[in-house]
Structures are given as C-alpha cells and as structure tokens.
Amino acid sequence: MTDANFSRPGAVDLSSLSQEGSGAAGYVTTVTEADFQALAGKSVQHPVILEFFSPRDPNGPAVSSALSELVNAAGGKFLLGRVDVDAEPRLAQ
C-alpha cells in the first residue's frame, strides 16, 4: 500500500498479491474436443455453463458478452465454456 499510516482495524493489505489478468481468463474458456473432459471435471467443483455459439449468428456476440459479464460478476461461482459449433461439430451433436 502507498499510505504507510493506514490503520483500519481488521483490514488486510492485499496490494502485495500478484494481479492476474482479466477475470475472463479464469472463468470463461473456449472449449475444444481436446479439453472438453477437463472442463467437465471442473463441474465437480463449480457449476459449468456451456455456450454453444456460431460466429455466423449476428446476435451471438451480444449473448456471449452478456454471459461473460454475468460469469465475471459472479467471481468464479460458476464457469462458462464457449463451444464454437462450426469449429467443433462433434461437441455440438
């Protein structure tokens, strides 16, 4: 912390902890057939939402953005796996 005279009872200085990148990196992931099982394994610890999307859908980016915002706002209470159905047709079946 920058203020050496900070003295709030019970306060914990977390400024020395390393900052991770965007929360999206931890809570939102693109899923391929190769890593689908790994994401399924995470569902034992956290609820996992799968978003099946197509880049051809004109409304897709808005839906994806809304889902990502919800997941990040929840702070890891649940995870979002994004499956591109055009690139991963076997997962879409």
Foldseek 3Di string as FASTA:
>chain_A
DPDPPDDDPPDDDPVPPDDDDDCCVVAEEEDAPVCPVVVVVCCVVAPEAEAEDEPVDPCVVVVVVVVSVVRVVVPPNYHYYYYHCVVHVVVVD
